[in-house]
C-alpha atoms as a PDB file:
ATOM      1  CA  MET A   1      54.244 -91.531 126.030  1.00  0.00           C
ATOM      2  CA  SER A   2      52.930 -88.974 123.566  1.00  0.00           C
ATOM      3  CA  ASN A   3      50.094 -89.620 121.171  1.00  0.00           C
ATOM      4  CA  ALA A   4      52.445 -89.007 118.201  1.00  0.00           C
ATOM      5  CA  LYS A   5      54.617 -91.977 119.195  1.00  0.00           C
ATOM      6  CA  ILE A   6      51.551 -94.215 119.063  1.00  0.00           C
ATOM      7  CA  ILE A   7      49.698 -92.692 116.106  1.00  0.00           C
ATOM      8  CA  VAL A   8      52.635 -92.496 113.654  1.00  0.00           C
ATOM      9  CA  PRO A   9      53.455 -96.252 113.706  1.00  0.00           C
ATOM     10  CA  ILE A  10      49.743 -97.084 113.463  1.00  0.00           C
ATOM     11  CA  PHE A  11      49.372 -94.690 110.521  1.00  0.00           C
ATOM     12  CA  ILE A  12      52.426 -96.146 108.765  1.00  0.00           C
ATOM     13  CA  GLY A  13      51.189 -99.698 109.343  1.00  0.00           C
ATOM     14  CA  ALA A  14      47.705 -98.867 108.055  1.00  0.00           C
ATOM     15  CA  THR A  15      49.182 -97.172 104.979  1.00  0.00           C
ATOM     16  CA  MET A  16      51.353-100.190 104.220  1.00  0.00           C
ATOM     17  CA  LEU A  17      48.356-102.481 104.658  1.00  0.00           C
ATOM     18  CA  LEU A  18      46.296-100.346 102.261  1.00  0.00           C
ATOM     19  CA  ILE A  19      49.096-100.305  99.666  1.00  0.00           C
ATOM     20  CA  GLY A  20      49.467-104.084  99.943  1.00  0.00           C
ATOM     21  CA  ALA A  21      45.727-104.613  99.521  1.00  0.00           C
ATOM     22  CA  ARG A  22      45.674-102.351  96.454  1.00  0.00           C
ATOM     23  CA  TRP A  23      48.642-104.183  94.940  1.00  0.00           C
ATOM     24  CA  ILE A  24      47.030-107.589  95.474  1.00  0.00           C
ATOM     25  CA  SER A  25      43.778-106.287  94.006  1.00  0.00           C
ATOM     26  CA  TRP A  26      45.619-104.927  90.954  1.00  0.00           C
ATOM     27  CA  GLU A  27      47.534-108.165  90.398  1.00  0.00           C
ATOM     28  CA  SER A  28      44.398-110.288  90.562  1.00  0.00           C
ATOM     29  CA  ASN A  29      42.531-108.094  88.060  1.00  0.00           C
ATOM     30  CA  HIS A  30      45.332-107.450  85.568  1.00  0.00           C
ATOM     31  CA  PRO A  31      47.618-110.040  83.977  1.00  0.00           C
ATOM     32  CA  PRO A  32      51.303-109.226  84.369  1.00  0.00           C
ATOM     33  CA  ILE A  33      52.599-106.804  81.783  1.00  0.00           C
ATOM     34  CA  GLY A  34      54.016-108.650  78.790  1.00  0.00           C
ATOM     35  CA  LYS A  35      51.878-111.717  79.415  1.00  0.00           C
ATOM     36  CA  CYS A  36      49.090-112.504  77.027  1.00  0.00           C
ATOM     37  CA  VAL A  37      46.949-115.492  77.951  1.00  0.00           C
ATOM     38  CA  GLY A  38      43.743-117.150  76.792  1.00  0.00           C
ATOM     39  CA  ASP A  39      41.778-115.213  74.174  1.00  0.00           C
ATOM     40  CA  CYS A  40      44.449-112.517  74.128  1.00  0.00           C
ATOM     41  CA  TYR A  41      47.089-115.045  73.102  1.00  0.00           C
ATOM     42  CA  GLU A  42      44.878-116.590  70.426  1.00  0.00           C
ATOM     43  CA  ALA A  43      44.197-113.137  68.945  1.00  0.00           C
ATOM     44  CA  TYR A  44      47.927-112.382  69.075  1.00  0.00           C
ATOM     45  CA  LYS A  45      48.760-115.579  67.162  1.00  0.00           C
ATOM     46  CA  ILE A  46      46.228-114.726  64.428  1.00  0.00           C
ATOM     47  CA  GLU A  47      47.494-111.147  64.072  1.00  0.00           C
ATOM     48  CA  ASP A  48      51.119-112.290  64.072  1.00  0.00           C
ATOM     49  CA  ALA A  49      50.400-114.844  61.322  1.00  0.00           C
ATOM     50  CA  LYS A  50      48.706-112.136  59.222  1.00  0.00           C
ATOM     51  CA  ARG A  51      51.672-109.811  59.736  1.00  0.00           C
ATOM     52  CA  ARG A  52      54.134-112.521  58.717  1.00  0.00           C
ATOM     53  CA  GLU A  53      52.104-113.369  55.600  1.00  0.00           C
ATOM     54  CA  ALA A  54      51.937-109.701  54.589  1.00  0.00           C
ATOM     55  CA  GLU A  55      55.679-109.296  55.117  1.00  0.00           C
ATOM     56  CA  ALA A  56      56.417-112.453  53.095  1.00  0.00           C
ATOM     57  CA  ALA A  57      54.180-111.218  50.256  1.00  0.00           C
ATOM     58  CA  MET A  58      55.925-107.840  50.288  1.00  0.00           C
ATOM     59  CA  LEU A  59      59.357-109.461  50.232  1.00  0.00           C
ATOM     60  CA  ALA A  60      58.342-111.781  47.381  1.00  0.00           C
ATOM     61  CA  THR A  61      57.391-108.844  45.162  1.00  0.00           C
ATOM     62  CA  ALA A  62      60.064-106.371  46.286  1.00  0.00           C
ATOM     63  CA  SER A  63      62.836-105.336  43.929  1.00  0.00           C
ATOM     64  CA  PRO A  64      66.468-105.922  44.918  1.00  0.00           C
ATOM     65  CA  ALA A  65      66.813-102.169  45.534  1.00  0.00           C
ATOM     66  CA  ASP A  66      63.784-102.221  47.867  1.00  0.00           C
ATOM     67  CA  LEU A  67      65.261-105.145  49.781  1.00  0.00           C
ATOM     68  CA  GLY A  68      68.608-103.374  49.881  1.00  0.00           C
ATOM     69  CA  LYS A  69      66.998-100.205  51.217  1.00  0.00           C
ATOM     70  CA  LYS A  70      65.701-102.173  54.192  1.00  0.00           C
ATOM     71  CA  LEU A  71      69.187-103.563  54.857  1.00  0.00           C
ATOM     72  CA  PHE A  72      70.848-100.176  54.292  1.00  0.00           C
ATOM     73  CA  THR A  73      69.316 -98.794  57.482  1.00  0.00           C
ATOM     74  CA  ALA A  74      72.251-100.371  59.341  1.00  0.00           C
ATOM     75  CA  CYS A  75      74.672 -98.625  56.961  1.00  0.00           C
ATOM     76  CA  ALA A  76      73.011 -95.209  57.186  1.00  0.00           C
ATOM     77  CA  ALA A  77      74.439 -94.399  60.616  1.00  0.00           C
ATOM     78  CA  CYS A  78      77.915 -94.008  59.099  1.00  0.00           C
ATOM     79  CA  HIS A  79      77.248 -93.532  55.380  1.00  0.00           C
ATOM     80  CA  GLY A  80      74.148 -91.277  55.605  1.00  0.00           C
ATOM     81  CA  LEU A  81      70.538 -92.066  54.710  1.00  0.00           C
ATOM     82  CA  GLY A  82      71.195 -91.273  51.054  1.00  0.00           C
ATOM     83  CA  GLY A  83      74.745 -92.620  50.967  1.00  0.00           C
ATOM     84  CA  GLU A  84      76.103 -89.060  51.094  1.00  0.00           C
ATOM     85  CA  GLY A  85      78.780 -90.011  53.595  1.00  0.00           C
ATOM     86  CA  GLY A  86      79.497 -88.957  57.145  1.00  0.00           C
ATOM     87  CA  VAL A  87      81.700 -90.937  59.492  1.00  0.00           C
ATOM     88  CA  GLY A  88      82.009 -93.441  56.651  1.00  0.00           C
ATOM     89  CA  PRO A  89      82.774 -92.564  53.038  1.00  0.00           C
ATOM     90  CA  LYS A  90      80.265 -91.396  50.454  1.00  0.00           C
ATOM     91  CA  LEU A  91      78.634 -94.310  48.630  1.00  0.00           C
ATOM     92  CA  GLN A  92      76.575 -92.363  46.097  1.00  0.00           C
ATOM     93  CA  ALA A  93      77.614 -92.978  42.479  1.00  0.00           C
ATOM     94  CA  GLN A  94      79.032 -96.411  43.339  1.00  0.00           C
ATOM     95  CA  THR A  95      77.955 -99.311  41.150  1.00  0.00           C
ATOM     96  CA  LYS A  96      76.312-102.442  42.457  1.00  0.00           C
ATOM     97  CA  ASP A  97      79.378-104.478  41.486  1.00  0.00           C
ATOM     98  CA  ALA A  98      81.710-102.105  43.345  1.00  0.00           C
ATOM     99  CA  ILE A  99      79.604-102.306  46.517  1.00  0.00           C
ATOM    100  CA  VAL A 100      79.412-106.109  46.325  1.00  0.00           C
ATOM    101  CA  SER A 101      83.170-106.288  45.791  1.00  0.00           C
ATOM    102  CA  MET A 102      83.906-104.064  48.792  1.00  0.00           C
ATOM    103  CA  LEU A 103      81.478-105.912  51.069  1.00  0.00           C
ATOM    104  CA  THR A 104      82.948-109.253  49.989  1.00  0.00           C
ATOM    105  CA  GLN A 105      86.451-108.017  50.777  1.00  0.00           C
ATOM    106  CA  TYR A 106      85.322-106.851  54.216  1.00  0.00           C
ATOM    107  CA  LYS A 107      83.541-110.151  54.835  1.00  0.00           C
ATOM    108  CA  ASN A 108      86.808-111.936  54.007  1.00  0.00           C
ATOM    109  CA  GLY A 109      88.632-109.767  56.571  1.00  0.00           C
ATOM    110  CA  GLU A 110      90.579-107.758  54.010  1.00  0.00           C
ATOM    111  CA  THR A 111      91.755-104.236  54.802  1.00  0.00           C
ATOM    112  CA  ARG A 112      90.486-101.496  52.499  1.00  0.00           C
ATOM    113  CA  GLY A 113      91.180 -98.444  54.638  1.00  0.00           C
ATOM    114  CA  ALA A 114      91.452 -97.033  58.141  1.00  0.00           C
ATOM    115  CA  GLN A 115      87.941 -98.103  59.128  1.00  0.00           C
ATOM    116  CA  SER A 116      88.091-101.656  57.816  1.00  0.00           C
ATOM    117  CA  ALA A 117      87.787-103.129  61.300  1.00  0.00           C
ATOM    118  CA  LEU A 118      84.367-101.476  61.660  1.00  0.00           C
ATOM    119  CA  MET A 119      83.182-103.003  58.403  1.00  0.00           C
ATOM    120  CA  TRP A 120      84.394-106.545  59.064  1.00  0.00           C
ATOM    121  CA  GLY A 121      81.692-107.115  61.671  1.00  0.00           C
ATOM    122  CA  GLN A 122      79.015-105.465  59.542  1.00  0.00           C
ATOM    123  CA  ALA A 123      79.809-107.505  56.435  1.00  0.00           C
ATOM    124  CA  ALA A 124      80.254-110.784  58.312  1.00  0.00           C
ATOM    125  CA  ALA A 125      76.500-111.129  58.831  1.00  0.00           C
ATOM    126  CA  LEU A 126      75.576-110.410  55.193  1.00  0.00           C
ATOM    127  CA  SER A 127      74.702-113.126  52.696  1.00  0.00           C
ATOM    128  CA  THR A 128      75.649-112.868  49.026  1.00  0.00           C
ATOM    129  CA  ASP A 129      72.039-111.881  48.264  1.00  0.00           C
ATOM    130  CA  ASP A 130      72.121-109.225  50.991  1.00  0.00           C
ATOM    131  CA  MET A 131      75.264-107.729  49.460  1.00  0.00           C
ATOM    132  CA  ALA A 132      73.714-107.706  45.981  1.00  0.00           C
ATOM    133  CA  ASN A 133      70.555-106.053  47.318  1.00  0.00           C
ATOM    134  CA  ILE A 134      72.522-103.376  49.169  1.00  0.00           C
ATOM    135  CA  GLY A 135      74.532-102.804  46.005  1.00  0.00           C
ATOM    136  CA  ALA A 136      71.326-102.424  43.977  1.00  0.00           C
ATOM    137  CA  PHE A 137      70.005 -99.867  46.452  1.00  0.00           C
ATOM    138  CA  VAL A 138      73.233 -97.853  46.532  1.00  0.00           C
ATOM    139  CA  GLU A 139      73.387 -97.870  42.724  1.00  0.00           C
ATOM    140  CA  SER A 140      69.833 -96.461  42.663  1.00  0.00           C
ATOM    141  CA  LEU A 141      70.767 -93.448  44.800  1.00  0.00           C
END
């Protein structure tokens, strides 16, 4: 039997043993990714509460157009960032009332054009306030 037939399996076994030892060492010294425990979790809760308070304060003082701008990000993929149109029609120069009317029609499942089916799902999730805020943003463009 040649030395290679003996050495190769020993080398492979030793390498696997070394990799296993390193992995166990890593796992014992590092919490699993995505897990935050102990002091880390307490710090996370404090930071998350601060973030939520800041967001609530911002929302409380935001104008309808500012709130609508945040919601419009979902619309921008088809209508353009500035409402200039693209896959969907141009929304610039539309009034708030016109936008609210169209969104309400879509939410009610009404057909307004060839792409109505795309808008039904988008409008279904919007509240009356959401529609008014989007309308205020579009009117401000």
